[in-house]
């Protein structure tokens, strides 16, 4: 596993499997049990060309999940309802003067 982020609920965690296959898991801990699901993989609408998952950040204020792929040089921003934006980390995009390593 490569990425970890706090999810929507107080006890929810989002966990990324780096590759082969790429997966996003969500956990939810109730007082009685811990459940784990990979339903987040589909909800995040990850693009087919994504080579790996290097990191995660979930912004609870606006409900966006940020998925970093250092091998693909992108950050995928997902609203978890099928909407996504792919942001390149290469020079010339979003005002970058050089590639972000």
PDB file of N, CA and C in Angstrom:
ATOM      1  N   UNK A   1       0.845  -1.184   0.000  1.00  0.00           N
ATOM      2  CA  UNK A   1       0.000   0.000   0.000  1.00  0.00           C
ATOM      3  C   UNK A   1       0.883   1.238   0.000  1.00  0.00           C
ATOM      4  N   UNK A   2       0.405   2.271  -0.684  1.00  0.00           N
ATOM      5  CA  UNK A   2       1.242   3.446  -0.872  1.00  0.00           C
ATOM      6  C   UNK A   2       0.644   4.719  -0.271  1.00  0.00           C
ATOM      7  N   UNK A   3      -0.655   4.927  -0.405  1.00  0.00           N
ATOM      8  CA  UNK A   3      -1.259   6.176   0.064  1.00  0.00           C
ATOM      9  C   UNK A   3      -2.258   5.934   1.171  1.00  0.00           C
ATOM     10  N   UNK A   4      -2.446   6.948   2.003  1.00  0.00           N
ATOM     11  CA  UNK A   4      -3.380   6.874   3.112  1.00  0.00           C
ATOM     12  C   UNK A   4      -3.959   8.257   3.341  1.00  0.00           C
ATOM     13  N   UNK A   5      -5.281   8.344   3.480  1.00  0.00           N
ATOM     14  CA  UNK A   5      -5.939   9.624   3.743  1.00  0.00           C
ATOM     15  C   UNK A   5      -7.134   9.383   4.647  1.00  0.00           C
ATOM     16  N   UNK A   6      -7.465  10.375   5.446  1.00  0.00           N
ATOM     17  CA  UNK A   6      -8.664  10.274   6.267  1.00  0.00           C
ATOM     18  C   UNK A   6      -9.867  10.503   5.378  1.00  0.00           C
ATOM     19  N   UNK A   7     -10.889   9.666   5.514  1.00  0.00           N
ATOM     20  CA  UNK A   7     -12.072   9.737   4.666  1.00  0.00           C
ATOM     21  C   UNK A   7     -13.141  10.663   5.204  1.00  0.00           C
ATOM     22  N   UNK A   8     -14.357  10.469   4.699  1.00  0.00           N
ATOM     23  CA  UNK A   8     -15.483  11.350   5.043  1.00  0.00           C
ATOM     24  C   UNK A   8     -15.893  11.255   6.506  1.00  0.00           C
ATOM     25  N   UNK A   9     -15.984  10.049   7.009  1.00  0.00           N
ATOM     26  CA  UNK A   9     -16.420   9.873   8.383  1.00  0.00           C
ATOM     27  C   UNK A   9     -15.281   9.999   9.373  1.00  0.00           C
ATOM     28  N   UNK A  10     -15.635  10.082  10.631  1.00  0.00           N
ATOM     29  CA  UNK A  10     -14.636  10.247  11.687  1.00  0.00           C
ATOM     30  C   UNK A  10     -13.650   9.087  11.733  1.00  0.00           C
ATOM     31  N   UNK A  11     -14.132   7.874  11.440  1.00  0.00           N
ATOM     32  CA  UNK A  11     -13.280   6.688  11.527  1.00  0.00           C
ATOM     33  C   UNK A  11     -12.947   6.094  10.159  1.00  0.00           C
ATOM     34  N   UNK A  12     -13.242   6.808   9.082  1.00  0.00           N
ATOM     35  CA  UNK A  12     -13.007   6.281   7.734  1.00  0.00           C
ATOM     36  C   UNK A  12     -11.586   6.580   7.271  1.00  0.00           C
ATOM     37  N   UNK A  13     -10.974   5.598   6.634  1.00  0.00           N
ATOM     38  CA  UNK A  13      -9.655   5.760   6.031  1.00  0.00           C
ATOM     39  C   UNK A  13      -9.728   5.362   4.565  1.00  0.00           C
ATOM     40  N   UNK A  14      -8.970   6.067   3.729  1.00  0.00           N
ATOM     41  CA  UNK A  14      -8.814   5.708   2.324  1.00  0.00           C
ATOM     42  C   UNK A  14      -7.389   5.199   2.165  1.00  0.00           C
ATOM     43  N   UNK A  15      -7.251   4.047   1.530  1.00  0.00           N
ATOM     44  CA  UNK A  15      -5.950   3.401   1.379  1.00  0.00           C
ATOM     45  C   UNK A  15      -5.745   3.080  -0.094  1.00  0.00           C
ATOM     46  N   UNK A  16      -4.545   3.385  -0.613  1.00  0.00           N
ATOM     47  CA  UNK A  16      -4.243   3.130  -2.024  1.00  0.00           C
ATOM     48  C   UNK A  16      -3.302   1.949  -2.174  1.00  0.00           C
ATOM     49  N   UNK A  17      -3.651   1.065  -3.095  1.00  0.00           N
ATOM     50  CA  UNK A  17      -2.730   0.014  -3.526  1.00  0.00           C
ATOM     51  C   UNK A  17      -1.985   0.582  -4.721  1.00  0.00           C
ATOM     52  N   UNK A  18      -0.662   0.649  -4.626  1.00  0.00           N
ATOM     53  CA  UNK A  18       0.157   1.385  -5.590  1.00  0.00           C
ATOM     54  C   UNK A  18      -0.053   0.940  -7.032  1.00  0.00           C
ATOM     55  N   UNK A  19       0.006  -0.349  -7.302  1.00  0.00           N
ATOM     56  CA  UNK A  19      -0.175  -0.843  -8.672  1.00  0.00           C
ATOM     57  C   UNK A  19      -0.390  -2.345  -8.687  1.00  0.00           C
ATOM     58  N   UNK A  20      -0.731  -2.821  -9.869  1.00  0.00           N
ATOM     59  CA  UNK A  20      -0.936  -4.253 -10.171  1.00  0.00           C
ATOM     60  C   UNK A  20      -1.847  -4.941  -9.180  1.00  0.00           C
ATOM     61  N   UNK A  21      -3.093  -4.664  -9.153  1.00  0.00           N
ATOM     62  CA  UNK A  21      -3.788  -3.586  -9.858  1.00  0.00           C
ATOM     63  C   UNK A  21      -3.902  -2.342  -8.978  1.00  0.00           C
ATOM     64  N   UNK A  22      -4.144  -1.214  -9.609  1.00  0.00           N
ATOM     65  CA  UNK A  22      -4.419   0.017  -8.856  1.00  0.00           C
ATOM     66  C   UNK A  22      -5.748  -0.158  -8.143  1.00  0.00           C
ATOM     67  N   UNK A  23      -5.777   0.132  -6.871  1.00  0.00           N
ATOM     68  CA  UNK A  23      -7.024   0.023  -6.108  1.00  0.00           C
ATOM     69  C   UNK A  23      -7.069   1.122  -5.061  1.00  0.00           C
ATOM     70  N   UNK A  24      -8.271   1.604  -4.809  1.00  0.00           N
ATOM     71  CA  UNK A  24      -8.517   2.526  -3.703  1.00  0.00           C
ATOM     72  C   UNK A  24      -9.515   1.857  -2.770  1.00  0.00           C
ATOM     73  N   UNK A  25      -9.109   1.653  -1.551  1.00  0.00           N
ATOM     74  CA  UNK A  25      -9.966   1.013  -0.558  1.00  0.00           C
ATOM     75  C   UNK A  25     -10.459   2.058   0.429  1.00  0.00           C
ATOM     76  N   UNK A  26     -11.636   1.827   0.948  1.00  0.00           N
ATOM     77  CA  UNK A  26     -12.156   2.680   2.009  1.00  0.00           C
ATOM     78  C   UNK A  26     -12.534   1.773   3.177  1.00  0.00           C
ATOM     79  N   UNK A  27     -12.163   2.205   4.370  1.00  0.00           N
ATOM     80  CA  UNK A  27     -12.508   1.456   5.577  1.00  0.00           C
ATOM     81  C   UNK A  27     -13.493   2.283   6.383  1.00  0.00           C
ATOM     82  N   UNK A  28     -14.285   1.604   7.139  1.00  0.00           N
ATOM     83  CA  UNK A  28     -15.207   2.286   8.041  1.00  0.00           C
ATOM     84  C   UNK A  28     -15.293   1.452   9.306  1.00  0.00           C
ATOM     85  N   UNK A  29     -14.987   2.070  10.397  1.00  0.00           N
ATOM     86  CA  UNK A  29     -14.985   1.350  11.659  1.00  0.00           C
ATOM     87  C   UNK A  29     -16.200   1.762  12.466  1.00  0.00           C
ATOM     88  N   UNK A  30     -17.057   0.818  12.688  1.00  0.00           N
ATOM     89  CA  UNK A  30     -18.184   1.052  13.577  1.00  0.00           C
ATOM     90  C   UNK A  30     -17.774   0.539  14.956  1.00  0.00           C
ATOM     91  N   UNK A  31     -18.582   0.789  15.968  1.00  0.00           N
ATOM     92  CA  UNK A  31     -18.225   0.284  17.297  1.00  0.00           C
ATOM     93  C   UNK A  31     -18.099  -1.239  17.341  1.00  0.00           C
ATOM     94  N   UNK A  32     -18.769  -1.939  16.393  1.00  0.00           N
ATOM     95  CA  UNK A  32     -18.794  -3.396  16.437  1.00  0.00           C
ATOM     96  C   UNK A  32     -17.880  -4.087  15.432  1.00  0.00           C
ATOM     97  N   UNK A  33     -17.479  -3.380  14.350  1.00  0.00           N
ATOM     98  CA  UNK A  33     -16.727  -4.080  13.303  1.00  0.00           C
ATOM     99  C   UNK A  33     -15.967  -3.094  12.418  1.00  0.00           C
ATOM    100  N   UNK A  34     -15.059  -3.653  11.628  1.00  0.00           N
ATOM    101  CA  UNK A  34     -14.313  -2.890  10.639  1.00  0.00           C
ATOM    102  C   UNK A  34     -14.674  -3.444   9.269  1.00  0.00           C
ATOM    103  N   UNK A  35     -15.112  -2.579   8.354  1.00  0.00           N
ATOM    104  CA  UNK A  35     -15.418  -3.037   7.002  1.00  0.00           C
ATOM    105  C   UNK A  35     -14.440  -2.400   6.024  1.00  0.00           C
ATOM    106  N   UNK A  36     -14.086  -3.149   4.966  1.00  0.00           N
ATOM    107  CA  UNK A  36     -13.167  -2.681   3.932  1.00  0.00           C
ATOM    108  C   UNK A  36     -13.816  -2.944   2.581  1.00  0.00           C
ATOM    109  N   UNK A  37     -13.770  -1.950   1.691  1.00  0.00           N
ATOM    110  CA  UNK A  37     -14.369  -2.084   0.365  1.00  0.00           C
ATOM    111  C   UNK A  37     -13.477  -1.410  -0.666  1.00  0.00           C
ATOM    112  N   UNK A  38     -13.461  -1.950  -1.898  1.00  0.00           N
ATOM    113  CA  UNK A  38     -12.715  -1.289  -2.972  1.00  0.00           C
ATOM    114  C   UNK A  38     -13.650  -0.502  -3.891  1.00  0.00           C
ATOM    115  N   UNK A  39     -14.856  -0.186  -3.433  1.00  0.00           N
ATOM    116  CA  UNK A  39     -15.818   0.583  -4.234  1.00  0.00           C
ATOM    117  C   UNK A  39     -15.288   1.967  -4.588  1.00  0.00           C
ATOM    118  N   UNK A  40     -14.354   2.463  -3.831  1.00  0.00           N
ATOM    119  CA  UNK A  40     -13.774   3.781  -4.088  1.00  0.00           C
ATOM    120  C   UNK A  40     -13.004   3.800  -5.407  1.00  0.00           C
ATOM    121  N   UNK A  41     -12.474   2.660  -5.834  1.00  0.00           N
ATOM    122  CA  UNK A  41     -11.735   2.582  -7.098  1.00  0.00           C
ATOM    123  C   UNK A  41     -12.609   3.069  -8.247  1.00  0.00           C
ATOM    124  N   UNK A  42     -13.829   2.586  -8.328  1.00  0.00           N
ATOM    125  CA  UNK A  42     -14.752   2.990  -9.396  1.00  0.00           C
ATOM    126  C   UNK A  42     -15.232   4.426  -9.208  1.00  0.00           C
ATOM    127  N   UNK A  43     -15.566   4.798  -7.998  1.00  0.00           N
ATOM    128  CA  UNK A  43     -16.102   6.135  -7.726  1.00  0.00           C
ATOM    129  C   UNK A  43     -15.101   7.244  -8.024  1.00  0.00           C
ATOM    130  N   UNK A  44     -13.808   6.965  -7.919  1.00  0.00           N
ATOM    131  CA  UNK A  44     -12.787   7.988  -8.150  1.00  0.00           C
ATOM    132  C   UNK A  44     -12.518   8.225  -9.634  1.00  0.00           C
ATOM    133  N   UNK A  45     -13.018   7.354 -10.517  1.00  0.00           N
ATOM    134  CA  UNK A  45     -12.845   7.501 -11.972  1.00  0.00           C
ATOM    135  C   UNK A  45     -11.385   7.709 -12.359  1.00  0.00           C
ATOM    136  N   UNK A  46     -10.526   6.822 -11.915  1.00  0.00           N
ATOM    137  CA  UNK A  46      -9.107   6.936 -12.254  1.00  0.00           C
ATOM    138  C   UNK A  46      -8.914   6.713 -13.753  1.00  0.00           C
ATOM    139  N   UNK A  47      -8.079   7.529 -14.403  1.00  0.00           N
ATOM    140  CA  UNK A  47      -7.870   7.366 -15.844  1.00  0.00           C
ATOM    141  C   UNK A  47      -7.092   6.091 -16.164  1.00  0.00           C
ATOM    142  N   UNK A  48      -7.324   5.544 -17.348  1.00  0.00           N
ATOM    143  CA  UNK A  48      -6.715   4.274 -17.754  1.00  0.00           C
ATOM    144  C   UNK A  48      -5.193   4.345 -17.825  1.00  0.00           C
ATOM    145  N   UNK A  49      -4.656   5.529 -18.083  1.00  0.00           N
ATOM    146  CA  UNK A  49      -3.208   5.656 -18.281  1.00  0.00           C
ATOM    147  C   UNK A  49      -2.430   5.825 -16.980  1.00  0.00           C
ATOM    148  N   UNK A  50      -3.105   5.842 -15.856  1.00  0.00           N
ATOM    149  CA  UNK A  50      -2.429   6.021 -14.572  1.00  0.00           C
ATOM    150  C   UNK A  50      -1.549   4.806 -14.275  1.00  0.00           C
ATOM    151  N   UNK A  51      -0.254   5.030 -14.081  1.00  0.00           N
ATOM    152  CA  UNK A  51       0.700   3.933 -13.893  1.00  0.00           C
ATOM    153  C   UNK A  51       0.829   3.495 -12.442  1.00  0.00           C
ATOM    154  N   UNK A  52       0.595   4.420 -11.513  1.00  0.00           N
ATOM    155  CA  UNK A  52       0.751   4.088 -10.103  1.00  0.00           C
ATOM    156  C   UNK A  52      -0.037   5.085  -9.271  1.00  0.00           C
ATOM    157  N   UNK A  53      -0.131   4.790  -7.987  1.00  0.00           N
ATOM    158  CA  UNK A  53      -0.668   5.736  -7.010  1.00  0.00           C
ATOM    159  C   UNK A  53       0.423   5.934  -5.972  1.00  0.00           C
ATOM    160  N   UNK A  54       0.876   7.180  -5.836  1.00  0.00           N
ATOM    161  CA  UNK A  54       1.978   7.490  -4.921  1.00  0.00           C
ATOM    162  C   UNK A  54       1.509   8.154  -3.637  1.00  0.00           C
ATOM    163  N   UNK A  55       0.349   8.786  -3.673  1.00  0.00           N
ATOM    164  CA  UNK A  55      -0.136   9.472  -2.487  1.00  0.00           C
ATOM    165  C   UNK A  55      -1.590   9.863  -2.627  1.00  0.00           C
ATOM    166  N   UNK A  56      -2.233  10.101  -1.495  1.00  0.00           N
ATOM    167  CA  UNK A  56      -3.642  10.493  -1.442  1.00  0.00           C
ATOM    168  C   UNK A  56      -3.819  11.661  -0.493  1.00  0.00           C
ATOM    169  N   UNK A  57      -4.805  12.497  -0.806  1.00  0.00           N
ATOM    170  CA  UNK A  57      -5.252  13.522   0.129  1.00  0.00           C
ATOM    171  C   UNK A  57      -6.738  13.709  -0.104  1.00  0.00           C
ATOM    172  N   UNK A  58      -7.525  13.658   0.956  1.00  0.00           N
ATOM    173  CA  UNK A  58      -8.962  13.900   0.855  1.00  0.00           C
ATOM    174  C   UNK A  58      -9.276  15.222   1.533  1.00  0.00           C
ATOM    175  N   UNK A  59      -9.844  16.151   0.778  1.00  0.00           N
ATOM    176  CA  UNK A  59     -10.245  17.455   1.303  1.00  0.00           C
ATOM    177  C   UNK A  59     -11.690  17.345   1.763  1.00  0.00           C
ATOM    178  N   UNK A  60     -11.882  17.251   3.053  1.00  0.00           N
ATOM    179  CA  UNK A  60     -13.221  17.067   3.617  1.00  0.00           C
ATOM    180  C   UNK A  60     -14.098  18.299   3.442  1.00  0.00           C
ATOM    181  N   UNK A  61     -13.491  19.469   3.275  1.00  0.00           N
ATOM    182  CA  UNK A  61     -14.275  20.693   3.112  1.00  0.00           C
ATOM    183  C   UNK A  61     -15.027  20.734   1.789  1.00  0.00           C
ATOM    184  N   UNK A  62     -14.388  20.263   0.706  1.00  0.00           N
ATOM    185  CA  UNK A  62     -15.068  20.310  -0.591  1.00  0.00           C
ATOM    186  C   UNK A  62     -15.323  18.924  -1.181  1.00  0.00           C
ATOM    187  N   UNK A  63     -14.990  17.860  -0.463  1.00  0.00           N
ATOM    188  CA  UNK A  63     -15.287  16.502  -0.908  1.00  0.00           C
ATOM    189  C   UNK A  63     -14.461  16.020  -2.085  1.00  0.00           C
ATOM    190  N   UNK A  64     -13.246  16.545  -2.241  1.00  0.00           N
ATOM    191  CA  UNK A  64     -12.395  16.149  -3.362  1.00  0.00           C
ATOM    192  C   UNK A  64     -11.260  15.243  -2.896  1.00  0.00           C
ATOM    193  N   UNK A  65     -10.997  14.211  -3.694  1.00  0.00           N
ATOM    194  CA  UNK A  65      -9.887  13.305  -3.445  1.00  0.00           C
ATOM    195  C   UNK A  65      -8.777  13.619  -4.439  1.00  0.00           C
ATOM    196  N   UNK A  66      -7.572  13.852  -3.934  1.00  0.00           N
ATOM    197  CA  UNK A  66      -6.398  14.130  -4.762  1.00  0.00           C
ATOM    198  C   UNK A  66      -5.538  12.868  -4.784  1.00  0.00           C
ATOM    199  N   UNK A  67      -5.267  12.367  -5.987  1.00  0.00           N
ATOM    200  CA  UNK A  67      -4.485  11.144  -6.168  1.00  0.00           C
ATOM    201  C   UNK A  67      -3.220  11.507  -6.937  1.00  0.00           C
ATOM    202  N   UNK A  68      -2.066  11.317  -6.319  1.00  0.00           N
ATOM    203  CA  UNK A  68      -0.785  11.625  -6.952  1.00  0.00           C
ATOM    204  C   UNK A  68      -0.228  10.376  -7.623  1.00  0.00           C
ATOM    205  N   UNK A  69       0.228  10.540  -8.874  1.00  0.00           N
ATOM    206  CA  UNK A  69       0.937   9.478  -9.582  1.00  0.00           C
ATOM    207  C   UNK A  69       2.273  10.035 -10.039  1.00  0.00           C
ATOM    208  N   UNK A  70       3.352   9.635  -9.365  1.00  0.00           N
ATOM    209  CA  UNK A  70       4.661  10.170  -9.756  1.00  0.00           C
ATOM    210  C   UNK A  70       5.151   9.547 -11.064  1.00  0.00           C
ATOM    211  N   UNK A  71       4.761   8.310 -11.354  1.00  0.00           N
ATOM    212  CA  UNK A  71       5.180   7.682 -12.608  1.00  0.00           C
ATOM    213  C   UNK A  71       4.457   8.273 -13.816  1.00  0.00           C
ATOM    214  N   UNK A  72       3.237   8.743 -13.636  1.00  0.00           N
ATOM    215  CA  UNK A  72       2.474   9.369 -14.721  1.00  0.00           C
ATOM    216  C   UNK A  72       2.616  10.885 -14.725  1.00  0.00           C
ATOM    217  N   UNK A  73       3.256  11.452 -13.716  1.00  0.00           N
ATOM    218  CA  UNK A  73       3.457  12.902 -13.590  1.00  0.00           C
ATOM    219  C   UNK A  73       2.143  13.674 -13.586  1.00  0.00           C
ATOM    220  N   UNK A  74       1.156  13.174 -12.827  1.00  0.00           N
ATOM    221  CA  UNK A  74      -0.137  13.847 -12.748  1.00  0.00           C
ATOM    222  C   UNK A  74      -0.690  13.784 -11.327  1.00  0.00           C
ATOM    223  N   UNK A  75      -1.630  14.694 -11.075  1.00  0.00           N
ATOM    224  CA  UNK A  75      -2.500  14.619  -9.911  1.00  0.00           C
ATOM    225  C   UNK A  75      -3.918  14.515 -10.457  1.00  0.00           C
ATOM    226  N   UNK A  76      -4.641  13.498 -10.032  1.00  0.00           N
ATOM    227  CA  UNK A  76      -6.040  13.343 -10.414  1.00  0.00           C
ATOM    228  C   UNK A  76      -6.875  13.905  -9.272  1.00  0.00           C
ATOM    229  N   UNK A  77      -7.790  14.810  -9.602  1.00  0.00           N
ATOM    230  CA  UNK A  77      -8.696  15.390  -8.615  1.00  0.00           C
ATOM    231  C   UNK A  77     -10.081  14.815  -8.898  1.00  0.00           C
ATOM    232  N   UNK A  78     -10.633  14.067  -7.951  1.00  0.00           N
ATOM    233  CA  UNK A  78     -11.907  13.380  -8.147  1.00  0.00           C
ATOM    234  C   UNK A  78     -12.941  13.865  -7.144  1.00  0.00           C
ATOM    235  N   UNK A  79     -14.183  14.037  -7.633  1.00  0.00           N
ATOM    236  CA  UNK A  79     -15.270  14.397  -6.718  1.00  0.00           C
ATOM    237  C   UNK A  79     -15.968  13.156  -6.154  1.00  0.00           C
ATOM    238  N   UNK A  80     -15.493  11.965  -6.516  1.00  0.00           N
ATOM    239  CA  UNK A  80     -16.002  10.670  -6.059  1.00  0.00           C
ATOM    240  C   UNK A  80     -17.411  10.367  -6.552  1.00  0.00           C
ATOM    241  N   UNK A  81     -17.889  11.157  -7.511  1.00  0.00           N
ATOM    242  CA  UNK A  81     -19.176  10.896  -8.154  1.00  0.00           C
ATOM    243  C   UNK A  81     -18.994  10.727  -9.656  1.00  0.00           C
ATOM    244  N   UNK A  82     -17.781  10.405 -10.091  1.00  0.00           N
ATOM    245  CA  UNK A  82     -17.508  10.217 -11.509  1.00  0.00           C
ATOM    246  C   UNK A  82     -16.823  11.390 -12.172  1.00  0.00           C
ATOM    247  N   UNK A  83     -16.832  12.553 -11.531  1.00  0.00           N
ATOM    248  CA  UNK A  83     -16.166  13.728 -12.095  1.00  0.00           C
ATOM    249  C   UNK A  83     -14.703  13.757 -11.703  1.00  0.00           C
ATOM    250  N   UNK A  84     -13.858  14.136 -12.663  1.00  0.00           N
ATOM    251  CA  UNK A  84     -12.433  14.195 -12.350  1.00  0.00           C
ATOM    252  C   UNK A  84     -11.747  15.233 -13.217  1.00  0.00           C
ATOM    253  N   UNK A  85     -10.596  15.667 -12.732  1.00  0.00           N
ATOM    254  CA  UNK A  85      -9.718  16.570 -13.467  1.00  0.00           C
ATOM    255  C   UNK A  85      -8.316  15.990 -13.344  1.00  0.00           C
ATOM    256  N   UNK A  86      -7.594  15.954 -14.462  1.00  0.00           N
ATOM    257  CA  UNK A  86      -6.227  15.444 -14.459  1.00  0.00           C
ATOM    258  C   UNK A  86      -5.296  16.630 -14.620  1.00  0.00           C
ATOM    259  N   UNK A  87      -4.424  16.829 -13.650  1.00  0.00           N
ATOM    260  CA  UNK A  87      -3.503  17.963 -13.656  1.00  0.00           C
ATOM    261  C   UNK A  87      -2.081  17.463 -13.898  1.00  0.00           C
ATOM    262  N   UNK A  88      -1.473  17.926 -14.986  1.00  0.00           N
ATOM    263  CA  UNK A  88      -0.105  17.534 -15.316  1.00  0.00           C
ATOM    264  C   UNK A  88       0.884  18.238 -14.394  1.00  0.00           C
ATOM    265  N   UNK A  89       1.930  17.526 -14.032  1.00  0.00           N
ATOM    266  CA  UNK A  89       2.994  18.088 -13.199  1.00  0.00           C
ATOM    267  C   UNK A  89       4.214  18.446 -14.041  1.00  0.00           C
ATOM    268  N   UNK A  90       4.000  18.623 -15.331  1.00  0.00           N
ATOM    269  CA  UNK A  90       5.089  18.956 -16.257  1.00  0.00           C
ATOM    270  C   UNK A  90       5.140  20.451 -16.537  1.00  0.00           C
ATOM    271  N   UNK A  91       6.340  20.889 -16.872  1.00  0.00           N
ATOM    272  CA  UNK A  91       6.598  22.293 -17.201  1.00  0.00           C
ATOM    273  C   UNK A  91       5.603  22.774 -18.266  1.00  0.00           C
ATOM    274  N   UNK A  92       5.128  24.001 -18.081  1.00  0.00           N
ATOM    275  CA  UNK A  92       4.207  24.591 -19.038  1.00  0.00           C
ATOM    276  C   UNK A  92       2.740  24.439 -18.676  1.00  0.00           C
ATOM    277  N   UNK A  93       2.425  23.562 -17.747  1.00  0.00           N
ATOM    278  CA  UNK A  93       1.044  23.372 -17.305  1.00  0.00           C
ATOM    279  C   UNK A  93       0.841  24.065 -15.963  1.00  0.00           C
ATOM    280  N   UNK A  94      -0.301  24.723 -15.810  1.00  0.00           N
ATOM    281  CA  UNK A  94      -0.678  25.370 -14.550  1.00  0.00           C
ATOM    282  C   UNK A  94       0.396  26.328 -14.044  1.00  0.00           C
ATOM    283  N   UNK A  95       1.085  26.975 -14.966  1.00  0.00           N
ATOM    284  CA  UNK A  95       2.095  27.966 -14.606  1.00  0.00           C
ATOM    285  C   UNK A  95       3.422  27.398 -14.136  1.00  0.00           C
ATOM    286  N   UNK A  96       3.625  26.097 -14.284  1.00  0.00           N
ATOM    287  CA  UNK A  96       4.888  25.491 -13.842  1.00  0.00           C
ATOM    288  C   UNK A  96       6.023  25.882 -14.783  1.00  0.00           C
ATOM    289  N   UNK A  97       7.114  26.310 -14.217  1.00  0.00           N
ATOM    290  CA  UNK A  97       8.284  26.680 -15.013  1.00  0.00           C
ATOM    291  C   UNK A  97       9.229  25.506 -15.226  1.00  0.00           C
ATOM    292  N   UNK A  98       9.044  24.454 -14.449  1.00  0.00           N
ATOM    293  CA  UNK A  98       9.829  23.232 -14.635  1.00  0.00           C
ATOM    294  C   UNK A  98       8.993  22.044 -14.152  1.00  0.00           C
ATOM    295  N   UNK A  99       9.402  20.853 -14.561  1.00  0.00           N
ATOM    296  CA  UNK A  99       8.706  19.640 -14.135  1.00  0.00           C
ATOM    297  C   UNK A  99       8.812  19.478 -12.624  1.00  0.00           C
ATOM    298  N   UNK A 100       7.777  18.931 -12.027  1.00  0.00           N
ATOM    299  CA  UNK A 100       7.840  18.569 -10.612  1.00  0.00           C
ATOM    300  C   UNK A 100       8.315  17.121 -10.560  1.00  0.00           C
ATOM    301  N   UNK A 101       9.456  16.871  -9.910  1.00  0.00           N
ATOM    302  CA  UNK A 101      10.009  15.500  -9.909  1.00  0.00           C
ATOM    303  C   UNK A 101       9.173  14.544  -9.066  1.00  0.00           C
TER     304      UNK A 101
END
